[in-house]
Amino acid sequence: MTTRSTEILVGAFVAAGFAALFMLAMKVSNLSSMGNNEGYTLAAHFENIGGLKVRSPVTVAGVRVGRVSAISYDKDRYKARVSMSIDAIHDYFSIDTAASIYTAGLLGEQYVALEPGAEDELLKAGDVIEHTQSAMVLEEIIGNVLVKLTTK
């Protein structure tokens, strides 16, 4: 009887471990909030998006308000077009809102940070954010420093 209860306890512990690993995998891969399709879409054009990926977070003051829904190349502007799905409850961004690409954490995950403006007119579904700041690429920074050091 004691052996049977020990086996059941070990089995429950292993199952809980697998469940914890599954939850961790979902959190790391940003798949945990895939089902939330309610909201509206905004777009922004960037010179360089670095390592930004689809499903990367879109934040305001560190709070996630949406996700990157698509990334494409705009051949007319010669820039990357980033489409963002913003949650419906966050419908208060003005037309002079700025979008920047930043890096978070030690793994270098990139995300889009929105900085609300002060205008009274608000962005609507399908609008384009005009004020953008591209990702800082480490290789470009190192290259610029090396050029400055060699020219002195």
N, C-alpha and C. Protein backbone atom coordinates (compact mmCIF):
# COMPACT_ATOMS: atom_id res chain seq x y z
N MET A 1 0.83 -1.19 0.00
CA MET A 1 0.00 0.00 0.00
C MET A 1 0.87 1.26 0.00
N THR A 2 1.97 1.24 0.77
CA THR A 2 2.86 2.39 0.84
C THR A 2 3.55 2.62 -0.50
N THR A 3 3.92 1.56 -1.18
CA THR A 3 4.57 1.68 -2.48
C THR A 3 3.62 2.32 -3.50
N ARG A 4 2.38 1.90 -3.47
CA ARG A 4 1.39 2.44 -4.40
C ARG A 4 1.18 3.94 -4.17
N SER A 5 1.06 4.38 -2.95
CA SER A 5 0.87 5.81 -2.67
C SER A 5 2.13 6.60 -3.02
N THR A 6 3.30 6.04 -2.86
CA THR A 6 4.55 6.71 -3.25
C THR A 6 4.60 6.88 -4.76
N GLU A 7 4.20 5.86 -5.51
CA GLU A 7 4.18 5.94 -6.97
C GLU A 7 3.19 7.01 -7.44
N ILE A 8 2.04 7.08 -6.82
CA ILE A 8 1.05 8.10 -7.19
C ILE A 8 1.59 9.50 -6.89
N LEU A 9 2.25 9.66 -5.76
CA LEU A 9 2.83 10.95 -5.39
C LEU A 9 3.92 11.37 -6.36
N VAL A 10 4.80 10.43 -6.74
CA VAL A 10 5.85 10.73 -7.72
C VAL A 10 5.24 11.07 -9.07
N GLY A 11 4.22 10.33 -9.49
CA GLY A 11 3.55 10.63 -10.76
C GLY A 11 2.92 12.01 -10.77
N ALA A 12 2.29 12.39 -9.68
CA ALA A 12 1.70 13.73 -9.59
C ALA A 12 2.77 14.81 -9.63
N PHE A 13 3.90 14.55 -8.98
CA PHE A 13 5.01 15.51 -8.99
C PHE A 13 5.58 15.69 -10.40
N VAL A 14 5.75 14.58 -11.13
CA VAL A 14 6.25 14.64 -12.51
C VAL A 14 5.25 15.36 -13.41
N ALA A 15 3.97 15.11 -13.25
CA ALA A 15 2.95 15.79 -14.05
C ALA A 15 2.95 17.29 -13.77
N ALA A 16 3.11 17.67 -12.50
CA ALA A 16 3.19 19.09 -12.16
C ALA A 16 4.43 19.73 -12.78
N GLY A 17 5.53 18.99 -12.83
CA GLY A 17 6.76 19.50 -13.47
C GLY A 17 6.56 19.73 -14.95
N PHE A 18 5.88 18.79 -15.64
CA PHE A 18 5.60 18.96 -17.06
C PHE A 18 4.67 20.15 -17.30
N ALA A 19 3.69 20.32 -16.45
CA ALA A 19 2.77 21.46 -16.58
C ALA A 19 3.52 22.78 -16.39
N ALA A 20 4.46 22.82 -15.44
CA ALA A 20 5.25 24.03 -15.22
C ALA A 20 6.14 24.33 -16.42
N LEU A 21 6.75 23.30 -17.00
CA LEU A 21 7.58 23.50 -18.20
C LEU A 21 6.75 23.98 -19.38
N PHE A 22 5.53 23.45 -19.51
CA PHE A 22 4.64 23.89 -20.58
C PHE A 22 4.28 25.37 -20.42
N MET A 23 3.94 25.77 -19.21
CA MET A 23 3.61 27.18 -18.94
C MET A 23 4.80 28.09 -19.21
N LEU A 24 5.99 27.65 -18.83
CA LEU A 24 7.20 28.44 -19.09
C LEU A 24 7.44 28.58 -20.60
N ALA A 25 7.26 27.49 -21.34
CA ALA A 25 7.42 27.55 -22.79
C ALA A 25 6.42 28.50 -23.43
N MET A 26 5.19 28.49 -22.96
CA MET A 26 4.17 29.40 -23.50
C MET A 26 4.52 30.85 -23.20
N LYS A 27 5.02 31.11 -22.00
CA LYS A 27 5.37 32.48 -21.61
C LYS A 27 6.55 32.99 -22.44
N VAL A 28 7.57 32.16 -22.61
CA VAL A 28 8.76 32.57 -23.36
C VAL A 28 8.45 32.79 -24.83
N SER A 29 7.57 31.97 -25.40
CA SER A 29 7.27 32.07 -26.82
C SER A 29 6.18 33.09 -27.15
N ASN A 30 5.64 33.76 -26.15
CA ASN A 30 4.58 34.77 -26.33
C ASN A 30 3.33 34.20 -26.97
N LEU A 31 3.07 32.92 -26.79
CA LEU A 31 1.86 32.30 -27.35
C LEU A 31 0.70 32.31 -26.37
N SER A 32 0.92 32.72 -25.15
CA SER A 32 -0.13 32.64 -24.14
C SER A 32 -1.28 33.59 -24.41
N SER A 33 -1.07 34.66 -25.15
CA SER A 33 -2.15 35.61 -25.39
C SER A 33 -2.52 35.69 -26.87
N MET A 34 -2.38 34.57 -27.58
CA MET A 34 -2.68 34.55 -29.01
C MET A 34 -4.17 34.69 -29.29
N GLY A 35 -5.02 34.26 -28.38
CA GLY A 35 -6.45 34.24 -28.64
C GLY A 35 -7.12 35.60 -28.60
N ASN A 36 -6.48 36.62 -28.09
CA ASN A 36 -7.10 37.92 -27.94
C ASN A 36 -7.01 38.70 -29.26
N ASN A 37 -8.07 38.66 -30.08
CA ASN A 37 -8.06 39.34 -31.37
C ASN A 37 -8.87 40.62 -31.36
N GLU A 38 -9.44 41.00 -30.24
CA GLU A 38 -10.24 42.21 -30.18
C GLU A 38 -9.31 43.42 -30.10
N GLY A 39 -9.61 44.44 -30.86
CA GLY A 39 -8.80 45.64 -30.83
C GLY A 39 -8.76 46.28 -32.20
N TYR A 40 -7.74 47.09 -32.41
CA TYR A 40 -7.59 47.78 -33.68
C TYR A 40 -6.12 47.75 -34.09
N THR A 41 -5.86 48.05 -35.35
CA THR A 41 -4.51 47.96 -35.89
C THR A 41 -3.95 49.34 -36.19
N LEU A 42 -2.72 49.55 -35.77
CA LEU A 42 -1.95 50.74 -36.13
C LEU A 42 -0.70 50.28 -36.87
N ALA A 43 -0.08 51.16 -37.61
CA ALA A 43 1.14 50.83 -38.34
C ALA A 43 2.18 51.92 -38.10
N ALA A 44 3.44 51.55 -38.30
CA ALA A 44 4.54 52.50 -38.20
C ALA A 44 5.64 52.05 -39.15
N HIS A 45 6.40 53.00 -39.68
CA HIS A 45 7.50 52.70 -40.59
C HIS A 45 8.82 52.99 -39.89
N PHE A 46 9.76 52.05 -40.00
CA PHE A 46 11.06 52.17 -39.34
C PHE A 46 12.18 51.96 -40.36
N GLU A 47 13.28 52.70 -40.17
CA GLU A 47 14.48 52.50 -41.01
C GLU A 47 15.07 51.12 -40.78
N ASN A 48 15.10 50.69 -39.52
CA ASN A 48 15.69 49.40 -39.16
C ASN A 48 14.92 48.84 -37.97
N ILE A 49 14.44 47.61 -38.10
CA ILE A 49 13.69 47.00 -36.99
C ILE A 49 14.56 46.07 -36.15
N GLY A 50 15.81 45.89 -36.50
CA GLY A 50 16.69 45.02 -35.73
C GLY A 50 16.13 43.61 -35.68
N GLY A 51 15.96 43.06 -34.48
CA GLY A 51 15.45 41.70 -34.30
C GLY A 51 13.99 41.65 -33.91
N LEU A 52 13.23 42.69 -34.21
CA LEU A 52 11.80 42.71 -33.86
C LEU A 52 11.09 41.59 -34.60
N LYS A 53 10.18 40.92 -33.91
CA LYS A 53 9.47 39.79 -34.49
C LYS A 53 7.96 39.96 -34.31
N VAL A 54 7.21 39.22 -35.13
CA VAL A 54 5.77 39.17 -34.98
C VAL A 54 5.47 38.59 -33.59
N ARG A 55 4.47 39.11 -32.92
CA ARG A 55 4.05 38.78 -31.55
C ARG A 55 4.91 39.46 -30.49
N SER A 56 5.84 40.33 -30.88
CA SER A 56 6.58 41.09 -29.88
C SER A 56 5.62 42.05 -29.19
N PRO A 57 5.87 42.38 -27.93
CA PRO A 57 4.95 43.27 -27.21
C PRO A 57 5.00 44.71 -27.72
N VAL A 58 3.87 45.38 -27.59
CA VAL A 58 3.77 46.83 -27.79
C VAL A 58 3.41 47.39 -26.42
N THR A 59 4.23 48.32 -25.91
CA THR A 59 4.04 48.80 -24.55
C THR A 59 3.90 50.32 -24.50
N VAL A 60 3.31 50.78 -23.41
CA VAL A 60 3.28 52.20 -23.06
C VAL A 60 3.65 52.26 -21.59
N ALA A 61 4.71 52.98 -21.26
CA ALA A 61 5.19 53.11 -19.88
C ALA A 61 5.42 51.74 -19.24
N GLY A 62 5.85 50.77 -20.04
CA GLY A 62 6.14 49.44 -19.53
C GLY A 62 4.95 48.51 -19.44
N VAL A 63 3.77 48.99 -19.78
CA VAL A 63 2.55 48.19 -19.71
C VAL A 63 2.21 47.70 -21.12
N ARG A 64 2.00 46.38 -21.28
CA ARG A 64 1.68 45.84 -22.60
C ARG A 64 0.27 46.26 -23.00
N VAL A 65 0.16 46.89 -24.18
CA VAL A 65 -1.13 47.33 -24.70
C VAL A 65 -1.49 46.63 -26.00
N GLY A 66 -0.57 45.81 -26.51
CA GLY A 66 -0.83 45.11 -27.77
C GLY A 66 0.36 44.28 -28.17
N ARG A 67 0.31 43.81 -29.41
CA ARG A 67 1.38 42.98 -29.97
C ARG A 67 1.63 43.35 -31.41
N VAL A 68 2.84 43.08 -31.89
CA VAL A 68 3.17 43.27 -33.30
C VAL A 68 2.45 42.17 -34.07
N SER A 69 1.64 42.54 -35.05
CA SER A 69 0.85 41.56 -35.79
C SER A 69 1.45 41.20 -37.14
N ALA A 70 2.23 42.09 -37.75
CA ALA A 70 2.84 41.80 -39.05
C ALA A 70 4.02 42.73 -39.28
N ILE A 71 4.99 42.22 -40.04
CA ILE A 71 6.15 43.02 -40.44
C ILE A 71 6.34 42.80 -41.93
N SER A 72 6.45 43.90 -42.67
CA SER A 72 6.66 43.80 -44.11
C SER A 72 7.56 44.93 -44.57
N TYR A 73 7.96 44.88 -45.83
CA TYR A 73 8.80 45.93 -46.40
C TYR A 73 7.94 46.81 -47.31
N ASP A 74 7.98 48.12 -47.07
CA ASP A 74 7.23 49.07 -47.88
C ASP A 74 8.15 49.57 -48.98
N LYS A 75 7.93 49.11 -50.22
CA LYS A 75 8.82 49.45 -51.33
C LYS A 75 8.70 50.92 -51.76
N ASP A 76 7.60 51.57 -51.39
CA ASP A 76 7.43 52.98 -51.74
C ASP A 76 8.24 53.89 -50.81
N ARG A 77 8.29 53.53 -49.53
CA ARG A 77 9.03 54.34 -48.54
C ARG A 77 10.43 53.81 -48.28
N TYR A 78 10.75 52.62 -48.77
CA TYR A 78 12.04 51.96 -48.51
C TYR A 78 12.28 51.79 -47.02
N LYS A 79 11.24 51.39 -46.33
CA LYS A 79 11.31 51.18 -44.89
C LYS A 79 10.53 49.93 -44.51
N ALA A 80 10.77 49.45 -43.30
CA ALA A 80 10.00 48.33 -42.77
C ALA A 80 8.68 48.86 -42.22
N ARG A 81 7.60 48.17 -42.54
CA ARG A 81 6.28 48.53 -42.03
C ARG A 81 5.91 47.54 -40.94
N VAL A 82 5.65 48.06 -39.75
CA VAL A 82 5.29 47.23 -38.61
C VAL A 82 3.82 47.50 -38.28
N SER A 83 3.01 46.45 -38.38
CA SER A 83 1.59 46.55 -38.01
C SER A 83 1.44 46.06 -36.58
N MET A 84 0.69 46.81 -35.78
CA MET A 84 0.51 46.49 -34.37
C MET A 84 -0.97 46.34 -34.06
N SER A 85 -1.30 45.27 -33.38
CA SER A 85 -2.67 45.05 -32.92
C SER A 85 -2.76 45.57 -31.49
N ILE A 86 -3.54 46.64 -31.31
CA ILE A 86 -3.68 47.30 -30.01
C ILE A 86 -5.00 46.85 -29.38
N ASP A 87 -4.96 46.49 -28.10
CA ASP A 87 -6.16 46.06 -27.39
C ASP A 87 -7.22 47.16 -27.42
N ALA A 88 -8.48 46.77 -27.53
CA ALA A 88 -9.58 47.71 -27.70
C ALA A 88 -9.71 48.72 -26.56
N ILE A 89 -9.33 48.35 -25.36
CA ILE A 89 -9.49 49.27 -24.23
C ILE A 89 -8.48 50.42 -24.27
N HIS A 90 -7.47 50.30 -25.13
CA HIS A 90 -6.45 51.36 -25.23
C HIS A 90 -6.69 52.17 -26.51
N ASP A 91 -7.75 52.94 -26.50
CA ASP A 91 -8.14 53.72 -27.69
C ASP A 91 -7.91 55.22 -27.51
N TYR A 92 -6.89 55.57 -26.77
CA TYR A 92 -6.67 56.96 -26.38
C TYR A 92 -5.37 57.56 -26.91
N PHE A 93 -4.77 56.98 -27.93
CA PHE A 93 -3.50 57.50 -28.44
C PHE A 93 -3.74 58.62 -29.44
N SER A 94 -3.05 59.73 -29.23
CA SER A 94 -3.23 60.89 -30.11
C SER A 94 -2.41 60.73 -31.39
N ILE A 95 -2.70 61.59 -32.36
CA ILE A 95 -2.06 61.46 -33.67
C ILE A 95 -0.55 61.78 -33.63
N ASP A 96 -0.08 62.41 -32.57
CA ASP A 96 1.35 62.69 -32.47
C ASP A 96 2.08 61.70 -31.56
N THR A 97 1.49 60.53 -31.41
CA THR A 97 2.14 59.45 -30.65
C THR A 97 3.40 59.02 -31.38
N ALA A 98 4.45 58.71 -30.62
CA ALA A 98 5.72 58.26 -31.19
C ALA A 98 5.92 56.78 -30.89
N ALA A 99 6.57 56.06 -31.82
CA ALA A 99 6.87 54.64 -31.65
C ALA A 99 8.37 54.44 -31.75
N SER A 100 8.93 53.68 -30.80
CA SER A 100 10.37 53.38 -30.79
C SER A 100 10.55 51.89 -30.59
N ILE A 101 11.66 51.37 -31.09
CA ILE A 101 11.99 49.96 -30.88
C ILE A 101 13.10 49.90 -29.85
N TYR A 102 12.85 49.17 -28.76
CA TYR A 102 13.81 49.02 -27.66
C TYR A 102 14.12 47.55 -27.44
N THR A 103 15.17 47.31 -26.67
CA THR A 103 15.58 45.96 -26.31
C THR A 103 15.32 45.74 -24.83
N ALA A 104 14.74 44.58 -24.50
CA ALA A 104 14.42 44.26 -23.11
C ALA A 104 15.17 43.01 -22.68
N GLY A 105 15.64 43.02 -21.46
CA GLY A 105 16.20 41.82 -20.86
C GLY A 105 17.56 41.41 -21.38
N LEU A 106 18.09 40.37 -20.78
CA LEU A 106 19.41 39.87 -21.14
C LEU A 106 19.41 39.13 -22.46
N LEU A 107 18.27 38.57 -22.85
CA LEU A 107 18.20 37.82 -24.09
C LEU A 107 18.06 38.73 -25.30
N GLY A 108 17.81 40.00 -25.09
CA GLY A 108 17.73 40.96 -26.19
C GLY A 108 16.43 40.95 -26.94
N GLU A 109 15.33 40.55 -26.30
CA GLU A 109 14.03 40.59 -26.95
C GLU A 109 13.67 42.03 -27.24
N GLN A 110 13.25 42.30 -28.47
CA GLN A 110 12.91 43.67 -28.84
C GLN A 110 11.39 43.85 -28.80
N TYR A 111 11.00 45.09 -28.52
CA TYR A 111 9.58 45.42 -28.43
C TYR A 111 9.37 46.84 -28.92
N VAL A 112 8.13 47.19 -29.20
CA VAL A 112 7.77 48.54 -29.63
C VAL A 112 7.22 49.29 -28.43
N ALA A 113 7.79 50.46 -28.17
CA ALA A 113 7.31 51.31 -27.07
C ALA A 113 6.61 52.52 -27.69
N LEU A 114 5.39 52.76 -27.26
CA LEU A 114 4.65 53.94 -27.71
C LEU A 114 4.75 55.03 -26.66
N GLU A 115 4.92 56.25 -27.13
CA GLU A 115 4.94 57.41 -26.25
C GLU A 115 3.81 58.34 -26.67
N PRO A 116 2.74 58.41 -25.87
CA PRO A 116 1.58 59.22 -26.27
C PRO A 116 1.93 60.70 -26.42
N GLY A 117 1.24 61.33 -27.35
CA GLY A 117 1.44 62.76 -27.57
C GLY A 117 0.41 63.59 -26.82
N ALA A 118 0.27 64.84 -27.25
CA ALA A 118 -0.59 65.77 -26.53
C ALA A 118 -1.74 66.32 -27.38
N GLU A 119 -1.85 65.88 -28.62
CA GLU A 119 -2.91 66.38 -29.49
C GLU A 119 -4.27 65.87 -29.03
N ASP A 120 -5.31 66.56 -29.44
CA ASP A 120 -6.67 66.16 -29.09
C ASP A 120 -7.21 65.08 -30.03
N GLU A 121 -6.78 65.12 -31.30
CA GLU A 121 -7.26 64.14 -32.27
C GLU A 121 -6.61 62.78 -32.01
N LEU A 122 -7.41 61.72 -32.03
CA LEU A 122 -6.92 60.38 -31.69
C LEU A 122 -6.66 59.54 -32.94
N LEU A 123 -5.75 58.58 -32.80
CA LEU A 123 -5.50 57.61 -33.86
C LEU A 123 -6.69 56.67 -33.99
N LYS A 124 -7.02 56.30 -35.23
CA LYS A 124 -8.11 55.36 -35.49
C LYS A 124 -7.52 54.09 -36.10
N ALA A 125 -8.35 53.07 -36.20
CA ALA A 125 -7.92 51.81 -36.79
C ALA A 125 -7.38 52.05 -38.20
N GLY A 126 -6.20 51.51 -38.48
CA GLY A 126 -5.59 51.64 -39.80
C GLY A 126 -4.67 52.84 -39.95
N ASP A 127 -4.62 53.73 -38.96
CA ASP A 127 -3.75 54.91 -39.05
C ASP A 127 -2.28 54.51 -38.94
N VAL A 128 -1.42 55.43 -39.40
CA VAL A 128 0.03 55.21 -39.37
C VAL A 128 0.65 56.19 -38.39
N ILE A 129 1.49 55.68 -37.51
CA ILE A 129 2.24 56.52 -36.57
C ILE A 129 3.43 57.10 -37.33
N GLU A 130 3.50 58.42 -37.39
CA GLU A 130 4.53 59.08 -38.21
C GLU A 130 5.86 59.27 -37.48
N HIS A 131 5.82 59.47 -36.18
CA HIS A 131 7.05 59.71 -35.42
C HIS A 131 7.61 58.39 -34.93
N THR A 132 8.75 57.97 -35.50
CA THR A 132 9.33 56.67 -35.13
C THR A 132 10.83 56.82 -34.86
N GLN A 133 11.32 55.89 -34.06
CA GLN A 133 12.76 55.78 -33.80
C GLN A 133 13.14 54.32 -33.99
N SER A 134 14.07 54.06 -34.91
CA SER A 134 14.45 52.70 -35.23
C SER A 134 15.25 52.05 -34.12
N ALA A 135 15.43 50.73 -34.27
CA ALA A 135 16.21 49.96 -33.31
C ALA A 135 17.68 50.35 -33.40
N MET A 136 18.34 50.32 -32.26
CA MET A 136 19.79 50.54 -32.25
C MET A 136 20.46 49.19 -32.48
N VAL A 137 21.26 49.11 -33.55
CA VAL A 137 21.91 47.86 -33.91
C VAL A 137 23.34 47.91 -33.39
N LEU A 138 23.70 46.91 -32.59
CA LEU A 138 25.00 46.88 -31.95
C LEU A 138 26.14 46.94 -32.96
N GLU A 139 26.03 46.28 -34.07
CA GLU A 139 27.08 46.28 -35.08
C GLU A 139 27.32 47.68 -35.64
N GLU A 140 26.24 48.44 -35.86
CA GLU A 140 26.38 49.81 -36.36
C GLU A 140 27.06 50.70 -35.33
N ILE A 141 26.71 50.54 -34.06
CA ILE A 141 27.32 51.35 -33.01
C ILE A 141 28.81 51.06 -32.91
N ILE A 142 29.18 49.79 -32.93
CA ILE A 142 30.59 49.42 -32.86
C ILE A 142 31.33 49.94 -34.08
N GLY A 143 30.71 49.83 -35.25
CA GLY A 143 31.34 50.35 -36.47
C GLY A 143 31.57 51.85 -36.40
N ASN A 144 30.62 52.61 -35.89
CA ASN A 144 30.77 54.06 -35.76
C ASN A 144 31.88 54.41 -34.78
N VAL A 145 31.97 53.68 -33.68
CA VAL A 145 33.03 53.94 -32.69
C VAL A 145 34.39 53.64 -33.29
N LEU A 146 34.51 52.53 -34.01
CA LEU A 146 35.79 52.17 -34.63
C LEU A 146 36.21 53.18 -35.67
N VAL A 147 35.27 53.70 -36.46
CA VAL A 147 35.60 54.71 -37.47
C VAL A 147 36.10 55.98 -36.79
N LYS A 148 35.45 56.38 -35.70
CA LYS A 148 35.88 57.59 -34.98
C LYS A 148 37.24 57.40 -34.34
N LEU A 149 37.51 56.20 -33.84
CA LEU A 149 38.82 55.94 -33.21
C LEU A 149 39.95 55.91 -34.24
N THR A 150 39.68 55.40 -35.43
CA THR A 150 40.73 55.30 -36.45
C THR A 150 40.98 56.63 -37.15
N THR A 151 40.03 57.55 -37.13
CA THR A 151 40.22 58.83 -37.81
C THR A 151 40.93 59.85 -36.91
N LYS A 152 41.08 59.55 -35.62
CA LYS A 152 41.74 60.51 -34.71
C LYS A 152 43.21 60.32 -34.70
